[in-house]
N, C-alpha and C. Protein backbone atom coordinates (compact mmCIF):
# COMPACT_ATOMS: atom_id res chain seq x y z
N MET A 1 1.05 -1.10 -0.09
CA MET A 1 0.17 0.38 -0.15
C MET A 1 1.14 1.19 -0.12
N SER A 2 0.38 2.20 -0.64
CA SER A 2 1.49 3.36 -1.09
C SER A 2 1.10 4.44 0.11
N PHE A 3 1.99 5.42 0.26
CA PHE A 3 2.35 5.91 1.62
C PHE A 3 0.62 7.14 1.16
N ARG A 4 0.52 7.36 -0.05
CA ARG A 4 -0.51 8.55 -0.27
C ARG A 4 -1.95 7.75 0.34
N LEU A 5 -2.16 6.25 -0.25
CA LEU A 5 -3.42 5.82 -0.25
C LEU A 5 -3.46 5.59 1.65
N GLN A 6 -2.43 5.22 1.98
CA GLN A 6 -2.51 4.93 3.51
C GLN A 6 -3.07 6.36 4.16
N ARG A 7 -2.29 7.75 3.88
CA ARG A 7 -2.83 8.52 4.21
C ARG A 7 -4.14 9.27 4.06
N ARG A 8 -4.96 8.66 3.26
CA ARG A 8 -5.79 8.87 2.74
C ARG A 8 -7.08 8.11 3.40
N GLU A 9 -6.72 7.03 3.71
CA GLU A 9 -7.34 5.89 4.69
C GLU A 9 -7.58 6.75 6.20
N ASP A 10 -6.49 6.84 6.84
CA ASP A 10 -6.14 7.52 7.86
C ASP A 10 -7.34 8.74 8.22
N PHE A 11 -6.91 9.48 6.97
CA PHE A 11 -7.94 10.70 7.07
C PHE A 11 -9.36 10.55 7.03
N LEU A 12 -9.85 9.57 6.37
CA LEU A 12 -11.56 9.14 6.08
C LEU A 12 -11.71 8.36 7.68
N TYR A 13 -10.87 7.56 8.08
CA TYR A 13 -11.18 6.72 9.65
C TYR A 13 -11.14 7.97 10.42
N LYS A 14 -10.42 9.15 10.68
CA LYS A 14 -10.48 10.29 11.34
C LYS A 14 -12.02 10.92 11.38
N GLU A 15 -12.12 11.19 10.26
CA GLU A 15 -13.53 12.00 9.75
C GLU A 15 -14.64 10.96 10.16
N VAL A 16 -14.51 9.97 9.71
CA VAL A 16 -15.91 9.21 9.90
C VAL A 16 -15.93 9.00 11.97
N LYS A 17 -14.84 8.74 12.38
CA LYS A 17 -14.72 8.74 13.95
C LYS A 17 -15.45 10.25 14.10
N GLN A 18 -15.25 11.33 13.75
CA GLN A 18 -15.60 12.48 14.50
C GLN A 18 -17.10 12.47 13.92
N TRP A 19 -17.19 11.78 12.75
CA TRP A 19 -18.80 12.45 12.44
C TRP A 19 -19.73 11.44 13.42
N GLN A 20 -19.51 10.18 13.76
CA GLN A 20 -20.16 9.32 14.89
C GLN A 20 -20.04 10.19 16.19
N THR A 21 -19.11 10.90 16.62
CA THR A 21 -19.03 10.96 18.18
C THR A 21 -19.88 12.46 18.14
N ARG A 22 -19.69 13.18 16.84
CA ARG A 22 -21.32 14.30 16.71
C ARG A 22 -22.50 14.03 16.70
N SER A 23 -22.61 12.86 16.18
CA SER A 23 -24.04 12.28 15.84
C SER A 23 -24.54 11.87 17.36
N LEU A 24 -23.70 11.23 17.73
CA LEU A 24 -24.04 10.35 19.38
C LEU A 24 -24.03 11.29 20.13
N SER A 25 -23.25 12.36 20.28
CA SER A 25 -23.29 13.37 21.50
C SER A 25 -23.68 14.17 21.21
N SER A 26 -25.29 14.78 20.82
CA SER A 26 -25.33 16.27 20.04
C SER A 26 -25.13 17.35 21.16
N LYS A 27 -24.44 18.53 20.47
CA LYS A 27 -23.98 19.81 21.08
C LYS A 27 -25.42 20.32 21.61
N LYS A 28 -26.48 19.90 21.48
CA LYS A 28 -27.70 20.84 21.55
C LYS A 28 -28.55 19.94 23.27
N GLN A 29 -28.35 18.70 23.26
CA GLN A 29 -28.90 18.35 24.29
C GLN A 29 -28.18 18.37 25.76
N PRO A 30 -26.41 18.49 25.93
CA PRO A 30 -26.08 18.83 26.80
C PRO A 30 -26.36 20.31 27.66
N ARG A 31 -26.02 21.33 26.25
CA ARG A 31 -26.39 22.57 26.71
C ARG A 31 -27.89 22.56 27.54
N SER A 32 -28.76 22.17 26.89
CA SER A 32 -30.12 22.29 27.15
C SER A 32 -30.25 21.79 28.91
N LEU A 33 -29.33 20.56 28.63
CA LEU A 33 -29.78 19.93 29.91
C LEU A 33 -28.87 20.81 31.21
N ARG A 34 -27.87 20.84 30.77
CA ARG A 34 -27.04 22.29 31.62
C ARG A 34 -27.76 23.30 32.00
N SER A 35 -28.63 23.79 31.10
CA SER A 35 -29.30 25.07 31.50
C SER A 35 -30.69 24.70 32.21
N ARG A 36 -31.07 23.25 32.65
CA ARG A 36 -32.21 23.45 33.21
C ARG A 36 -31.76 22.65 34.56
N ARG A 37 -30.39 21.99 34.58
CA ARG A 37 -29.92 21.81 36.13
C ARG A 37 -29.62 23.36 36.73
N ARG A 38 -29.18 24.07 35.70
CA ARG A 38 -28.56 25.80 36.33
C ARG A 38 -29.91 26.29 36.76
N PHE A 39 -30.81 25.96 36.21
CA PHE A 39 -32.47 26.84 36.57
C PHE A 39 -32.95 26.04 37.90
N GLN A 40 -32.87 24.58 38.00
CA GLN A 40 -33.09 23.76 38.95
C GLN A 40 -32.31 24.36 40.04
N ALA A 41 -31.13 24.41 40.45
CA ALA A 41 -30.35 24.63 41.26
C ALA A 41 -30.90 26.55 41.62
N LYS A 42 -31.23 27.45 40.79
CA LYS A 42 -32.14 28.44 41.26
C LYS A 42 -33.11 28.47 41.62
N ILE A 43 -34.42 27.14 41.33
CA ILE A 43 -35.23 27.41 41.94
C ILE A 43 -35.05 26.95 43.72
N GLU A 44 -33.94 25.99 43.59
CA GLU A 44 -34.04 25.45 45.22
C GLU A 44 -33.40 26.50 45.89
N LYS A 45 -32.52 27.37 45.38
CA LYS A 45 -32.02 28.51 46.45
C LYS A 45 -32.80 29.70 46.39
N ALA A 46 -33.38 29.86 45.47
CA ALA A 46 -34.30 31.42 45.55
C ALA A 46 -35.53 31.07 46.95
N LYS A 47 -35.49 32.17 47.68
CA LYS A 47 -36.68 31.85 48.79
C LYS A 47 -37.86 32.35 47.78
N SER A 48 -38.08 33.17 46.79
CA SER A 48 -39.25 33.33 46.23
C SER A 48 -38.87 33.53 44.62
N ILE A 49 -39.68 32.91 43.88
CA ILE A 49 -39.78 33.26 42.45
C ILE A 49 -41.12 34.15 41.76
N VAL A 50 -41.21 34.83 41.23
CA VAL A 50 -42.32 35.46 40.38
C VAL A 50 -42.40 35.32 39.22
N PHE A 51 -43.46 34.64 38.80
CA PHE A 51 -44.03 34.66 37.33
C PHE A 51 -44.53 36.14 36.71
N PHE A 52 -44.37 36.34 35.58
CA PHE A 52 -44.49 37.62 35.02
C PHE A 52 -44.50 38.01 33.60
N ASP A 53 -45.79 38.37 33.23
CA ASP A 53 -46.14 38.43 31.73
C ASP A 53 -45.70 39.69 31.46
N TYR A 54 -44.65 39.78 30.92
CA TYR A 54 -43.72 40.91 29.83
C TYR A 54 -44.63 41.44 28.88
N ARG A 55 -45.56 40.90 28.45
CA ARG A 55 -46.15 41.71 27.26
C ARG A 55 -46.38 42.84 27.27
N GLY A 56 -46.14 43.90 25.98
CA GLY A 56 -46.25 45.09 26.00
C GLY A 56 -45.59 46.04 26.72
N ILE A 57 -44.51 45.56 27.03
CA ILE A 57 -43.29 46.88 27.78
C ILE A 57 -42.48 47.05 26.83
N THR A 58 -41.90 48.25 26.79
CA THR A 58 -40.75 48.79 25.89
C THR A 58 -39.38 48.63 26.57
N VAL A 59 -38.61 48.53 25.64
CA VAL A 59 -37.20 48.41 26.00
C VAL A 59 -36.73 49.00 27.15
N ALA A 60 -37.01 50.37 27.25
CA ALA A 60 -36.91 51.33 28.58
C ALA A 60 -37.57 50.86 29.20
N GLU A 61 -38.87 50.54 29.35
CA GLU A 61 -39.50 50.00 31.00
C GLU A 61 -38.63 48.92 31.02
N ASP A 62 -38.50 47.86 30.41
CA ASP A 62 -37.69 46.55 30.92
C ASP A 62 -36.49 46.53 31.45
N THR A 63 -35.62 47.51 31.02
CA THR A 63 -34.16 48.27 31.61
C THR A 63 -34.58 48.97 32.63
N GLU A 64 -35.18 49.62 33.00
CA GLU A 64 -35.65 50.11 34.44
C GLU A 64 -36.11 49.36 35.18
N LEU A 65 -37.28 48.28 35.13
CA LEU A 65 -37.15 47.55 35.96
C LEU A 65 -36.24 46.48 36.25
N ARG A 66 -35.55 46.14 35.32
CA ARG A 66 -34.20 44.96 35.78
C ARG A 66 -33.37 46.16 36.57
N ARG A 67 -33.08 47.00 36.39
CA ARG A 67 -32.44 47.97 37.55
C ARG A 67 -32.94 48.13 38.91
N SER A 68 -34.37 48.42 38.78
CA SER A 68 -34.71 48.66 40.42
C SER A 68 -34.48 46.92 41.00
N MET A 69 -34.64 45.81 39.95
CA MET A 69 -34.42 44.66 40.84
C MET A 69 -33.45 44.37 41.32
N ARG A 70 -32.04 45.00 40.28
CA ARG A 70 -30.82 44.86 40.82
C ARG A 70 -30.56 45.58 42.26
N LYS A 71 -31.13 46.80 42.08
CA LYS A 71 -30.80 47.40 43.57
C LYS A 71 -31.35 46.43 44.79
N GLU A 72 -32.49 45.84 44.60
CA GLU A 72 -33.01 44.69 45.89
C GLU A 72 -32.00 43.18 45.50
N ASN A 73 -31.28 43.02 45.15
CA ASN A 73 -30.80 42.13 44.61
C ASN A 73 -31.82 40.79 44.41
N VAL A 74 -32.54 40.92 43.59
CA VAL A 74 -33.41 40.13 42.38
C VAL A 74 -32.96 39.80 41.20
N GLU A 75 -33.05 38.62 40.96
CA GLU A 75 -32.56 38.43 39.19
C GLU A 75 -33.72 38.02 38.49
N TYR A 76 -33.71 38.81 37.35
CA TYR A 76 -34.72 39.39 36.46
C TYR A 76 -34.08 38.21 35.16
N VAL A 77 -35.04 36.78 34.60
CA VAL A 77 -34.57 36.85 33.40
C VAL A 77 -35.86 36.19 32.66
N VAL A 78 -35.59 35.72 31.33
CA VAL A 78 -36.53 35.22 30.61
C VAL A 78 -36.20 34.10 30.34
N LEU A 79 -36.68 32.80 30.34
CA LEU A 79 -36.26 31.12 29.85
C LEU A 79 -37.82 30.82 29.36
N LYS A 80 -37.13 29.94 28.41
CA LYS A 80 -38.02 29.10 27.90
C LYS A 80 -39.19 28.06 28.52
N ASN A 81 -40.35 28.50 28.72
CA ASN A 81 -41.43 27.54 29.54
C ASN A 81 -41.56 26.04 29.76
N ASN A 82 -40.77 25.67 28.59
CA ASN A 82 -40.67 24.15 28.60
C ASN A 82 -39.22 23.65 29.29
N MET A 83 -38.61 24.57 29.63
CA MET A 83 -37.44 24.21 30.49
C MET A 83 -37.40 24.35 31.86
N VAL A 84 -38.33 25.36 32.51
CA VAL A 84 -38.66 25.94 33.89
C VAL A 84 -39.99 24.83 34.02
N SER A 85 -40.69 24.62 33.21
CA SER A 85 -41.40 23.28 33.32
C SER A 85 -40.82 21.63 34.31
N ARG A 86 -39.72 21.43 33.36
CA ARG A 86 -39.22 20.45 33.33
C ARG A 86 -38.18 20.40 34.59
N ALA A 87 -37.64 21.62 34.83
CA ALA A 87 -36.75 21.73 36.13
C ALA A 87 -37.70 22.11 37.40
N ALA A 88 -38.87 22.57 37.38
CA ALA A 88 -40.00 22.77 38.37
C ALA A 88 -40.59 21.36 38.59
N GLU A 89 -40.59 20.24 38.07
CA GLU A 89 -41.04 18.97 38.16
C GLU A 89 -39.62 18.05 38.71
N ASN A 90 -38.71 18.55 38.31
CA ASN A 90 -37.44 17.86 39.30
C ASN A 90 -37.24 18.21 40.55
N ALA A 91 -37.79 19.43 40.45
CA ALA A 91 -37.54 20.33 42.04
C ALA A 91 -38.54 20.22 42.74
N SER A 92 -39.73 19.25 42.13
CA SER A 92 -40.96 18.74 43.12
C SER A 92 -41.87 19.79 43.33
N ILE A 93 -41.85 20.75 42.19
CA ILE A 93 -42.82 21.78 42.32
C ILE A 93 -43.78 21.40 41.77
N ASP A 94 -45.04 21.50 42.26
CA ASP A 94 -46.69 21.16 41.80
C ASP A 94 -46.80 21.24 40.41
N SER A 95 -47.32 20.29 39.84
CA SER A 95 -47.66 20.23 38.52
C SER A 95 -48.58 21.39 38.14
N LYS A 96 -49.03 21.58 38.65
CA LYS A 96 -50.04 23.12 38.44
C LYS A 96 -49.36 24.13 37.86
N ILE A 97 -48.22 24.22 37.62
CA ILE A 97 -47.40 24.98 37.59
C ILE A 97 -47.60 25.32 35.63
N GLU A 98 -47.74 24.33 34.96
CA GLU A 98 -48.46 24.21 33.52
C GLU A 98 -48.91 25.56 33.29
N ASP A 99 -50.07 25.77 34.18
CA ASP A 99 -51.12 26.61 33.55
C ASP A 99 -50.46 27.92 33.90
N MET A 100 -49.47 28.16 34.76
CA MET A 100 -48.99 29.73 34.61
C MET A 100 -48.01 29.97 33.71
N LEU A 101 -47.66 28.99 33.14
CA LEU A 101 -46.57 28.92 32.05
C LEU A 101 -46.76 29.07 30.49
N LYS A 102 -48.04 29.87 30.56
CA LYS A 102 -48.96 30.06 28.75
C LYS A 102 -48.19 31.37 28.46
N GLY A 103 -47.61 31.58 27.44
CA GLY A 103 -47.68 32.59 26.92
C GLY A 103 -46.07 33.12 27.44
N PRO A 104 -45.96 34.36 26.99
CA PRO A 104 -44.35 34.80 27.73
C PRO A 104 -44.23 35.10 28.96
N VAL A 105 -43.63 34.45 29.68
CA VAL A 105 -43.21 34.89 30.88
C VAL A 105 -41.45 34.47 31.54
N ALA A 106 -41.98 35.92 32.46
CA ALA A 106 -40.28 36.20 32.68
C ALA A 106 -40.25 36.20 34.17
N TYR A 107 -38.75 35.80 34.48
CA TYR A 107 -39.04 34.81 36.21
C TYR A 107 -38.27 36.23 37.03
N ALA A 108 -38.51 36.33 38.16
CA ALA A 108 -37.92 37.17 39.30
C ALA A 108 -37.47 36.30 40.15
N PHE A 109 -36.67 36.00 40.55
CA PHE A 109 -35.73 35.19 41.68
C PHE A 109 -35.34 36.16 42.80
N GLY A 110 -35.97 35.99 44.07
CA GLY A 110 -35.53 36.58 45.34
C GLY A 110 -34.86 35.48 45.99
N TYR A 111 -33.40 36.14 46.11
CA TYR A 111 -32.47 35.23 47.19
C TYR A 111 -32.30 35.76 48.69
N GLU A 112 -32.53 36.82 48.95
CA GLU A 112 -32.50 37.13 50.17
C GLU A 112 -33.94 37.94 50.98
N ASP A 113 -34.62 38.25 50.25
CA ASP A 113 -35.75 38.56 50.75
C ASP A 113 -37.17 38.22 50.08
N GLU A 114 -37.92 37.46 50.40
CA GLU A 114 -38.85 36.68 49.85
C GLU A 114 -39.90 37.41 49.12
N VAL A 115 -40.08 38.98 49.57
CA VAL A 115 -40.95 40.13 49.35
C VAL A 115 -40.69 40.55 48.11
N ALA A 116 -39.65 41.00 48.07
CA ALA A 116 -38.85 42.09 47.00
C ALA A 116 -39.46 41.89 45.50
N PRO A 117 -39.27 40.64 44.99
CA PRO A 117 -39.72 40.45 43.65
C PRO A 117 -40.88 40.42 43.38
N ALA A 118 -41.79 40.60 44.35
CA ALA A 118 -43.17 40.50 44.08
C ALA A 118 -43.64 42.19 44.64
N ARG A 119 -42.97 43.08 45.63
CA ARG A 119 -43.23 43.76 45.79
C ARG A 119 -42.91 44.94 44.10
N ILE A 120 -41.51 44.78 43.80
CA ILE A 120 -41.15 45.60 42.76
C ILE A 120 -42.07 44.88 41.50
N LEU A 121 -42.60 44.23 41.73
CA LEU A 121 -43.32 43.94 40.05
C LEU A 121 -44.60 44.38 40.11
N LYS A 122 -45.19 44.25 41.30
CA LYS A 122 -46.54 45.16 41.46
C LYS A 122 -46.33 46.51 41.02
N ALA A 123 -45.40 47.11 41.96
CA ALA A 123 -45.03 48.82 41.78
C ALA A 123 -44.96 48.79 40.24
N PHE A 124 -44.42 47.95 39.52
CA PHE A 124 -44.24 48.26 37.99
C PHE A 124 -45.76 48.19 37.63
N VAL A 125 -46.35 46.88 37.40
CA VAL A 125 -47.43 46.72 36.98
C VAL A 125 -48.38 47.94 37.18
N LYS A 126 -48.66 48.36 38.47
CA LYS A 126 -49.22 49.56 38.74
C LYS A 126 -48.84 50.94 37.83
N LYS A 127 -47.41 50.65 37.59
CA LYS A 127 -46.92 52.04 36.91
C LYS A 127 -46.94 51.78 35.48
N ALA A 128 -46.97 50.90 34.73
CA ALA A 128 -46.82 50.61 33.45
C ALA A 128 -48.53 50.38 33.13
N LYS A 129 -49.08 49.36 33.57
CA LYS A 129 -50.62 48.92 33.36
C LYS A 129 -50.75 48.22 31.99
N LYS A 130 -49.42 47.38 31.80
CA LYS A 130 -49.40 46.60 30.73
C LYS A 130 -49.27 45.36 30.74
N CYS A 131 -48.98 45.07 31.98
CA CYS A 131 -48.38 43.68 32.01
C CYS A 131 -49.21 42.96 33.37
N GLU A 132 -48.73 41.90 33.97
CA GLU A 132 -49.66 41.53 34.84
C GLU A 132 -48.57 40.31 35.55
N LEU A 133 -49.06 39.93 36.78
CA LEU A 133 -48.19 39.00 37.41
C LEU A 133 -49.08 37.43 37.49
N LYS A 134 -48.43 36.03 37.14
CA LYS A 134 -49.24 35.24 36.70
C LYS A 134 -48.71 34.23 38.20
N GLY A 135 -48.41 34.49 39.17
CA GLY A 135 -48.05 33.75 40.21
C GLY A 135 -46.48 33.64 40.63
N GLY A 136 -45.96 32.42 40.97
CA GLY A 136 -44.99 31.96 41.64
C GLY A 136 -44.68 31.05 42.90
N ILE A 137 -43.55 30.96 42.86
CA ILE A 137 -43.32 29.75 44.02
C ILE A 137 -42.65 30.55 45.20
N VAL A 138 -43.16 30.40 46.74
CA VAL A 138 -42.65 30.87 47.66
C VAL A 138 -42.62 29.76 48.71
N ASP A 139 -41.07 29.68 49.15
CA ASP A 139 -40.63 28.36 49.98
C ASP A 139 -41.34 27.13 49.31
N GLY A 140 -41.11 27.17 48.03
CA GLY A 140 -41.02 25.69 47.12
C GLY A 140 -42.61 25.03 47.27
N LYS A 141 -43.30 26.29 47.09
CA LYS A 141 -44.73 25.65 47.01
C LYS A 141 -44.87 27.10 45.97
N LEU A 142 -45.79 26.35 45.13
CA LEU A 142 -46.80 27.23 44.32
C LEU A 142 -48.04 28.06 44.67
N THR A 143 -47.85 29.46 44.09
CA THR A 143 -48.73 30.61 44.90
C THR A 143 -49.17 30.88 43.35
N SER A 144 -50.47 31.60 43.48
CA SER A 144 -51.17 32.31 42.76
C SER A 144 -50.89 33.71 42.66
N ALA A 145 -51.61 33.93 41.43
CA ALA A 145 -51.45 35.55 41.25
C ALA A 145 -51.96 36.33 42.19
N VAL A 146 -53.05 35.82 42.60
CA VAL A 146 -53.85 36.70 44.13
C VAL A 146 -52.83 36.88 45.42
N ASP A 147 -52.12 35.58 45.69
CA ASP A 147 -51.58 35.36 46.66
C ASP A 147 -50.11 36.06 46.21
N MET A 148 -49.61 36.31 44.94
CA MET A 148 -48.11 37.11 45.04
C MET A 148 -48.82 38.37 45.37
N ASP A 149 -49.85 38.94 44.84
CA ASP A 149 -50.54 40.25 44.83
C ASP A 149 -50.42 40.77 46.58
N ALA A 150 -51.19 39.70 47.29
CA ALA A 150 -51.00 39.97 48.93
C ALA A 150 -49.81 39.86 49.47
N ILE A 151 -48.81 39.01 48.88
CA ILE A 151 -47.49 39.05 49.51
C ILE A 151 -46.82 40.21 49.16
N ALA A 152 -46.85 40.77 47.81
CA ALA A 152 -46.33 41.95 47.61
C ALA A 152 -46.73 43.25 48.43
N ASP A 153 -47.62 43.04 49.18
CA ASP A 153 -48.56 43.87 50.32
C ASP A 153 -47.63 44.26 51.45
N LEU A 154 -46.82 42.88 51.80
CA LEU A 154 -46.49 42.58 53.28
C LEU A 154 -44.96 43.59 53.47
N PRO A 155 -44.59 44.07 54.32
CA PRO A 155 -43.38 44.75 54.62
C PRO A 155 -42.25 44.07 54.12
N SER A 156 -40.96 44.73 54.49
CA SER A 156 -39.94 43.42 54.24
C SER A 156 -39.35 42.87 55.35
N LYS A 157 -38.59 41.89 55.41
CA LYS A 157 -38.44 41.27 56.82
C LYS A 157 -37.71 42.21 57.94
N GLU A 158 -36.75 42.99 57.49
CA GLU A 158 -36.53 43.85 58.69
C GLU A 158 -37.71 44.87 59.56
N VAL A 159 -38.71 45.47 58.72
CA VAL A 159 -39.65 46.25 59.06
C VAL A 159 -40.53 45.33 59.64
N LEU A 160 -40.54 44.07 59.42
CA LEU A 160 -41.34 43.08 60.28
C LEU A 160 -41.03 43.06 61.83
N ILE A 161 -39.31 42.58 61.68
CA ILE A 161 -38.54 42.27 62.68
C ILE A 161 -38.69 43.49 63.68
N SER A 162 -38.55 44.55 63.16
CA SER A 162 -38.69 46.17 64.04
C SER A 162 -39.67 46.01 64.52
N ARG A 163 -40.88 45.77 63.82
CA ARG A 163 -42.18 45.95 64.34
C ARG A 163 -42.66 44.90 65.59
N MET A 164 -41.99 43.56 65.42
CA MET A 164 -42.27 42.69 66.82
C MET A 164 -41.68 43.23 67.47
N LEU A 165 -40.15 43.85 67.51
CA LEU A 165 -39.66 44.01 68.65
C LEU A 165 -40.18 45.23 69.59
N GLY A 166 -40.54 46.16 68.48
CA GLY A 166 -41.48 47.22 69.14
C GLY A 166 -42.69 46.99 70.22
N SER A 167 -43.33 45.85 69.58
CA SER A 167 -44.34 45.23 70.36
C SER A 167 -44.01 44.74 71.43
N MET A 168 -42.95 43.91 71.45
CA MET A 168 -42.74 43.34 72.72
C MET A 168 -42.08 44.08 73.68
N LYS A 169 -41.63 45.40 73.25
CA LYS A 169 -40.98 46.06 74.14
C LYS A 169 -42.08 47.06 74.69
N SER A 170 -43.15 47.60 74.12
CA SER A 170 -44.30 48.46 74.46
C SER A 170 -44.81 47.86 75.89
N PRO A 171 -45.34 46.31 76.02
CA PRO A 171 -45.61 46.25 77.45
C PRO A 171 -44.97 46.55 78.53
N ILE A 172 -43.19 46.20 78.17
CA ILE A 172 -42.41 46.36 79.22
C ILE A 172 -42.36 47.56 79.51
N SER A 173 -42.21 48.44 78.48
CA SER A 173 -42.09 50.02 78.94
C SER A 173 -43.17 50.81 79.65
N LYS A 174 -44.44 50.20 79.51
CA LYS A 174 -45.82 50.94 80.05
C LYS A 174 -45.84 50.13 81.30
N PHE A 175 -45.04 49.08 81.45
CA PHE A 175 -45.04 48.47 82.82
C PHE A 175 -44.27 49.46 83.76
N VAL A 176 -42.89 49.93 83.50
CA VAL A 176 -42.02 50.41 84.01
C VAL A 176 -42.35 52.09 84.31
N ILE A 177 -43.05 52.72 83.69
CA ILE A 177 -43.80 53.77 83.69
C ILE A 177 -44.83 53.76 84.93
N VAL A 178 -45.62 52.53 84.93
CA VAL A 178 -46.74 52.69 85.92
C VAL A 178 -45.66 52.56 86.93
N LEU A 179 -44.82 51.42 87.11
CA LEU A 179 -44.25 51.38 88.62
C LEU A 179 -43.39 52.79 88.69
N ASP A 180 -43.24 53.39 88.01
CA ASP A 180 -42.22 54.88 88.28
C ASP A 180 -43.36 56.01 88.82
N GLN A 181 -44.72 55.84 88.11
CA GLN A 181 -45.74 56.75 88.56
C GLN A 181 -45.72 56.41 89.83
N ILE A 182 -46.29 55.34 90.31
CA ILE A 182 -46.36 54.55 91.69
C ILE A 182 -45.55 55.03 92.42
N ALA A 183 -44.17 55.27 92.52
CA ALA A 183 -43.25 55.63 93.07
C ALA A 183 -43.20 57.05 93.49
N LYS A 184 -43.70 57.51 92.17
CA LYS A 184 -43.74 59.32 92.56
C LYS A 184 -44.41 59.41 93.37
N GLN A 185 -45.79 58.80 93.16
CA GLN A 185 -46.74 59.07 94.53
C GLN A 185 -46.97 58.64 95.51
N LYS A 186 -46.17 57.83 96.01
CA LYS A 186 -45.54 57.75 97.53
C LYS A 186 -44.48 58.63 97.68
N GLY A 187 -44.06 59.01 96.85
CA GLY A 187 -42.61 60.25 96.80
C GLY A 187 -41.54 59.19 97.40
N GLU A 188 -40.90 58.01 96.64
CA GLU A 188 -39.93 57.40 96.76
C GLU A 188 -39.36 57.08 95.46
N ALA A 189 -39.34 58.08 94.56
CA ALA A 189 -38.95 58.15 93.54
C ALA A 189 -37.61 58.57 93.18
N PRO A 190 -36.47 58.20 92.95
CA PRO A 190 -35.20 58.85 92.70
C PRO A 190 -35.20 59.78 91.49
N GLU A 191 -34.64 61.12 91.83
CA GLU A 191 -34.55 61.71 90.52
C GLU A 191 -34.13 61.21 89.32
N ALA A 192 -34.41 61.22 88.36
CA ALA A 192 -33.25 61.25 86.99
C ALA A 192 -32.58 61.85 86.32
């Protein structure tokens, strides 16, 4: 066998091998699988996720919305509904999520504050009057648009904690004031 013929056979052999490996391991499937796993990790990491119908908003409005979300550490993405559906299924989310994933849907992930994505989107919907909340996931449970609207009205976690501490401090303060008044009436109160 001549050198030239041997080179040609080697070349053809390599081409066939490359073609076989390309056809067996399609590049599209692993990328979508990686994306689904990445999204599933986001679902598990997020404290809340809000589904949002973004039809009708302009690029300027979308940019403003993204900017306001970044300030609150909320991630805003648009993903394929099929990928979201499969990732939610793998994350053991209720199958009723399919009803919320009809039409174009954007997703807002709240990693620190459960209320922030709903609050920001509700304010945006009031302002823009073009889009709507579709629902969401809070602590791994599927919630309706009405529930997300109610969650949006809740104050932030820090405000709730300060209100609770204030209410706990209030009875103690009133008790101290009453004791101080009783002591003053009897003339035994020390001067402050």
